[in-house]
Amino acid sequence: MVKRRMDMTMDLHYEIQGTGEAIALIHSGGADLRDWQFIAPQLAKKYQVITFDGRGAGKSPPPLEPANYVEDLTRLLDHIGIDKAALVGHSIGGQIATDFALSYPQRVSKLVLVAPGLSGYEFSKETQQWYAQVMAAAPDVEKMVNLMLDGAIYSTVMNSQHSELMYEMTKHNTQRYFDWKSSEQIWPQPPAIARLHELQTKTLFIIGTKDSKDLFRIAELFKQVPDIRFAEIDGADHMPTLTHSGEVYTLISHFLSK
């Protein structure tokens, strides 16, 4: 059973499935909690699974000031009454999870990062130019979405049975962007890129073999983490949560049960 909640003290849209040890799933950029729709129900057979729409995404309100995603997660866990949870973050969700674990290590039991971002990392000129091209197409949402999903990191998902879901999710959240009052982001300082050696949480890093060179550079940086293991998913791009959900679930489940 999925419980849906939103009230005046917590404005983010979130859902809770299952009972047991708490796991919070943090979605990727341009997505919403549908990022986890094939994985959350499986985890919910054993755990209490929290999925939510980040600020400005899905059914959550747009940012009215610079977004602080780490503090949003803190407020959400406090609101639900969870002192400690395993965190599973995808893309920017992985960046949020990493910064949260560095800021509040006592509140994170284990950390799973799926193709994560990393605060302080400067993306390659190619990636920056691609993103600039997408933004330059504004306010033509259709063109923005097509330019985004033409990116090499979405080649697998856009040639899969999940292409329609990916397109719909990206279009919805691109349209939501025009409601934002601020696109600035606040991250803990110093940035995580300078503090990875301080990360004491047991960590699993998952990446698809068809993800970008930037993500593999980030994977190299994460080798500084004292207790980390790496897993590659053959043939997956930046969206293994959709195209290889069974493999992602199995990796997460085994890691959490150890």
Protein backbone atom coordinates (compact mmCIF):
# COMPACT_ATOMS: atom_id res chain seq x y z
CA MET A 1 0.00 0.00 0.00
CA VAL A 2 1.29 3.45 -0.93
CA LYS A 3 0.65 6.28 1.51
CA ARG A 4 0.55 9.75 -0.07
CA ARG A 5 1.07 12.71 2.17
CA MET A 6 1.39 16.47 1.93
CA ASP A 7 0.58 19.03 4.61
CA MET A 8 1.43 22.59 5.56
CA THR A 9 4.55 21.71 7.55
CA MET A 10 6.07 19.66 4.73
CA ASP A 11 5.40 21.04 1.27
CA LEU A 12 7.26 18.35 -0.70
CA HIS A 13 5.15 15.57 -2.20
CA TYR A 14 6.24 12.18 -0.89
CA GLU A 15 5.11 8.57 -0.68
CA ILE A 16 5.82 5.80 1.83
CA GLN A 17 5.66 2.09 1.03
CA GLY A 18 6.36 -0.88 3.27
CA THR A 19 7.67 -1.22 6.80
CA GLY A 20 11.04 -1.89 8.38
CA GLU A 21 14.38 -0.11 8.15
CA ALA A 22 13.97 3.23 6.40
CA ILE A 23 15.32 3.86 2.90
CA ALA A 24 15.01 7.21 1.15
CA LEU A 25 15.24 7.21 -2.66
CA ILE A 26 16.33 10.51 -4.27
CA HIS A 27 15.59 10.92 -7.98
CA SER A 28 17.70 12.32 -10.81
CA GLY A 29 17.51 15.76 -12.37
CA GLY A 30 14.70 16.26 -14.88
CA ALA A 31 12.85 13.38 -13.26
CA ASP A 32 10.60 12.85 -10.25
CA LEU A 33 9.71 9.95 -7.98
CA ARG A 34 8.70 7.93 -11.06
CA ASP A 35 12.45 7.37 -11.43
CA TRP A 36 11.96 4.65 -8.78
CA GLN A 37 8.62 3.17 -9.85
CA PHE A 38 10.12 -0.22 -10.75
CA ILE A 39 12.47 -0.40 -7.75
CA ALA A 40 10.55 1.06 -4.79
CA PRO A 41 7.83 -1.64 -4.72
CA GLN A 42 10.48 -4.37 -4.65
CA LEU A 43 12.39 -2.75 -1.78
CA ALA A 44 9.10 -2.13 0.06
CA LYS A 45 8.68 -5.89 0.55
CA LYS A 46 11.35 -5.64 3.25
CA TYR A 47 11.91 -1.95 4.03
CA GLN A 48 10.08 1.30 4.71
CA VAL A 49 10.68 3.11 1.42
CA ILE A 50 10.35 6.87 1.08
CA THR A 51 10.20 8.41 -2.39
CA PHE A 52 9.57 12.09 -3.00
CA ASP A 53 9.50 14.79 -5.65
CA GLY A 54 12.38 17.21 -5.21
CA ARG A 55 11.58 20.89 -5.06
CA GLY A 56 10.40 22.05 -8.48
CA ALA A 57 9.80 18.51 -9.74
CA GLY A 58 6.79 16.23 -10.00
CA LYS A 59 4.05 17.42 -7.66
CA SER A 60 6.27 19.46 -5.34
CA PRO A 61 6.17 23.27 -5.36
CA PRO A 62 8.73 25.30 -7.32
CA PRO A 63 11.70 26.90 -5.54
CA LEU A 64 10.89 30.47 -4.56
CA GLU A 65 14.48 31.10 -3.44
CA PRO A 66 17.82 29.31 -3.93
CA ALA A 67 17.17 25.60 -3.40
CA ASN A 68 18.86 23.74 -0.56
CA TYR A 69 18.21 20.11 -1.41
CA VAL A 70 20.19 18.72 1.53
CA GLU A 71 18.11 20.68 4.01
CA ASP A 72 14.93 19.70 2.16
CA LEU A 73 15.88 16.06 2.76
CA THR A 74 16.65 16.81 6.41
CA ARG A 75 13.24 18.41 6.88
CA LEU A 76 11.49 15.52 5.14
CA LEU A 77 13.12 12.87 7.33
CA ASP A 78 12.41 14.95 10.45
CA HIS A 79 8.78 15.36 9.39
CA ILE A 80 8.30 11.62 8.90
CA GLY A 81 10.13 10.93 12.16
CA ILE A 82 13.14 9.09 10.78
CA ASP A 83 16.39 9.53 12.68
CA LYS A 84 18.51 7.26 10.49
CA ALA A 85 18.03 5.87 6.99
CA ALA A 86 19.83 4.27 4.09
CA LEU A 87 20.06 6.75 1.22
CA VAL A 88 19.84 5.79 -2.45
CA GLY A 89 20.52 8.69 -4.81
CA HIS A 90 20.48 8.83 -8.61
CA SER A 91 22.41 11.51 -10.56
CA ILE A 92 21.87 14.81 -8.69
CA GLY A 93 20.06 12.66 -6.14
CA GLY A 94 23.40 10.96 -5.53
CA GLN A 95 25.01 14.35 -5.10
CA ILE A 96 22.38 15.26 -2.51
CA ALA A 97 22.85 11.94 -0.71
CA THR A 98 26.64 12.35 -0.60
CA ASP A 99 26.46 15.86 0.82
CA PHE A 100 23.83 14.75 3.34
CA ALA A 101 26.05 11.85 4.48
CA LEU A 102 29.00 14.23 4.92
CA SER A 103 26.87 16.74 6.82
CA TYR A 104 24.90 14.25 8.95
CA PRO A 105 26.92 11.00 9.06
CA GLN A 106 25.07 9.78 12.16
CA ARG A 107 21.80 9.79 10.20
CA VAL A 108 22.91 7.56 7.29
CA SER A 109 23.18 3.79 7.75
CA LYS A 110 24.38 3.04 4.19
CA LEU A 111 24.79 4.99 0.97
CA VAL A 112 23.97 3.85 -2.56
CA LEU A 113 24.92 6.15 -5.44
CA VAL A 114 23.58 5.51 -8.93
CA ALA A 115 25.52 7.53 -11.54
CA PRO A 116 25.86 10.37 -9.02
CA GLY A 117 26.77 13.98 -9.44
CA LEU A 118 29.37 15.51 -7.12
CA SER A 119 29.31 19.01 -5.66
CA GLY A 120 32.40 20.97 -6.72
CA TYR A 121 32.97 18.88 -9.85
CA GLU A 122 33.30 20.90 -13.05
CA PHE A 123 31.74 19.11 -15.99
CA SER A 124 33.56 18.89 -19.31
CA LYS A 125 33.13 21.57 -21.97
CA GLU A 126 31.18 19.08 -24.09
CA THR A 127 28.65 18.48 -21.32
CA GLN A 128 28.37 22.19 -20.54
CA GLN A 129 27.83 23.02 -24.23
CA TRP A 130 25.14 20.36 -24.52
CA TYR A 131 23.29 21.73 -21.50
CA ALA A 132 23.68 25.31 -22.78
CA GLN A 133 22.17 24.24 -26.11
CA VAL A 134 19.17 22.75 -24.29
CA MET A 135 18.62 25.91 -22.25
CA ALA A 136 19.03 28.13 -25.31
CA ALA A 137 15.97 26.46 -26.83
CA ALA A 138 13.75 27.88 -24.06
CA PRO A 139 10.84 28.49 -23.94
CA ASP A 140 10.21 25.82 -26.59
CA VAL A 141 9.64 22.86 -24.25
CA GLU A 142 9.37 20.27 -27.03
CA LYS A 143 12.69 21.37 -28.51
CA MET A 144 14.36 21.45 -25.09
CA VAL A 145 13.19 17.92 -24.32
CA ASN A 146 14.27 16.57 -27.71
CA LEU A 147 17.71 18.15 -27.40
CA MET A 148 18.08 16.76 -23.89
CA LEU A 149 17.03 13.22 -24.76
CA ASP A 150 19.16 13.18 -27.90
CA GLY A 151 22.16 13.19 -25.57
CA ALA A 152 24.35 10.10 -25.68
CA ILE A 153 23.71 9.36 -22.00
CA TYR A 154 20.06 8.62 -22.87
CA SER A 155 20.72 6.41 -25.91
CA THR A 156 19.76 3.18 -24.14
CA VAL A 157 16.62 4.40 -22.41
CA MET A 158 15.31 6.17 -25.53
CA ASN A 159 15.67 2.94 -27.51
CA SER A 160 13.89 0.90 -24.85
CA GLN A 161 10.31 0.16 -23.86
CA HIS A 162 10.65 2.98 -21.30
CA SER A 163 11.18 5.76 -23.85
CA GLU A 164 7.61 7.05 -23.50
CA LEU A 165 7.89 7.26 -19.71
CA MET A 166 11.27 8.99 -20.01
CA TYR A 167 9.88 11.50 -22.52
CA GLU A 168 6.78 12.24 -20.45
CA MET A 169 8.74 12.64 -17.21
CA THR A 170 11.32 14.92 -18.85
CA LYS A 171 8.66 17.02 -20.56
CA HIS A 172 6.64 17.41 -17.37
CA ASN A 173 9.64 18.56 -15.34
CA THR A 174 11.01 20.79 -18.08
CA GLN A 175 7.65 22.55 -18.17
CA ARG A 176 7.76 22.87 -14.38
CA TYR A 177 11.08 24.71 -14.68
CA PHE A 178 9.28 27.81 -15.96
CA ASP A 179 7.47 28.12 -12.60
CA TRP A 180 10.74 28.41 -10.70
CA LYS A 181 11.50 31.78 -9.10
CA SER A 182 15.16 30.85 -8.62
CA SER A 183 17.45 28.33 -10.32
CA GLU A 184 20.29 28.82 -7.82
CA GLN A 185 21.36 25.99 -5.55
CA ILE A 186 22.94 26.02 -2.10
CA TRP A 187 25.35 23.21 -1.22
CA PRO A 188 27.29 22.54 1.99
CA GLN A 189 30.78 23.98 2.08
CA PRO A 190 33.47 22.96 1.42
CA PRO A 191 32.09 20.97 -1.54
CA ALA A 192 32.02 17.18 -1.39
CA ILE A 193 34.76 16.85 -4.03
CA ALA A 194 37.23 18.08 -1.38
CA ARG A 195 35.85 15.86 1.38
CA LEU A 196 35.33 12.40 -0.13
CA HIS A 197 38.12 10.98 2.04
CA GLU A 198 36.04 11.99 5.08
CA LEU A 199 32.99 9.97 4.01
CA GLN A 200 32.75 7.18 6.58
CA THR A 201 29.45 5.65 5.45
CA LYS A 202 29.57 2.28 3.71
CA THR A 203 28.97 3.14 0.07
CA LEU A 204 27.96 1.38 -3.15
CA PHE A 205 28.61 3.18 -6.45
CA ILE A 206 26.60 1.94 -9.47
CA ILE A 207 27.27 3.09 -13.03
CA GLY A 208 26.20 1.98 -16.49
CA THR A 209 28.89 1.16 -19.05
CA LYS A 210 27.29 3.62 -21.51
CA ASP A 211 27.26 6.59 -19.15
CA SER A 212 29.34 9.72 -19.85
CA LYS A 213 33.09 10.23 -19.44
CA ASP A 214 32.27 12.78 -16.75
CA LEU A 215 30.53 10.13 -14.66
CA PHE A 216 33.50 7.81 -14.95
CA ARG A 217 35.77 10.66 -13.82
CA ILE A 218 33.49 11.12 -10.83
CA ALA A 219 33.74 7.37 -10.16
CA GLU A 220 37.54 7.71 -10.06
CA LEU A 221 37.24 10.51 -7.51
CA PHE A 222 34.99 8.37 -5.31
CA LYS A 223 37.83 5.86 -4.91
CA GLN A 224 38.98 8.16 -2.08
CA VAL A 225 36.03 6.97 0.02
CA PRO A 226 37.41 4.59 2.67
CA ASP A 227 34.63 1.96 2.49
CA ILE A 228 33.27 1.82 -1.06
CA ARG A 229 32.56 -0.80 -3.68
CA PHE A 230 31.76 -0.30 -7.35
CA ALA A 231 29.35 -2.07 -9.70
CA GLU A 232 28.99 -1.59 -13.46
CA ILE A 233 25.81 -2.48 -15.35
CA ASP A 234 26.60 -3.57 -18.88
CA GLY A 235 24.70 -1.69 -21.58
CA ALA A 236 23.08 0.80 -19.22
CA ASP A 237 23.26 4.55 -19.83
CA HIS A 238 22.42 7.28 -17.28
CA MET A 239 19.00 5.75 -16.53
CA PRO A 240 19.61 2.22 -15.23
CA THR A 241 16.78 2.78 -12.75
CA LEU A 242 14.39 2.39 -15.70
CA THR A 243 16.15 0.12 -18.20
CA HIS A 244 17.95 -2.18 -15.76
CA SER A 245 15.76 -1.84 -12.68
CA GLY A 246 16.07 -5.53 -11.80
CA GLU A 247 19.85 -5.35 -11.70
CA VAL A 248 19.81 -2.10 -9.76
CA TYR A 249 17.36 -3.57 -7.23
CA THR A 250 19.46 -6.71 -6.81
CA LEU A 251 22.64 -4.67 -6.22
CA ILE A 252 20.89 -2.44 -3.68
CA SER A 253 19.22 -5.36 -1.91
CA HIS A 254 22.42 -7.37 -1.56
CA PHE A 255 24.36 -4.35 -0.36
CA LEU A 256 21.80 -3.40 2.27
CA SER A 257 21.40 -6.95 3.57
CA LYS A 258 25.11 -7.49 4.21
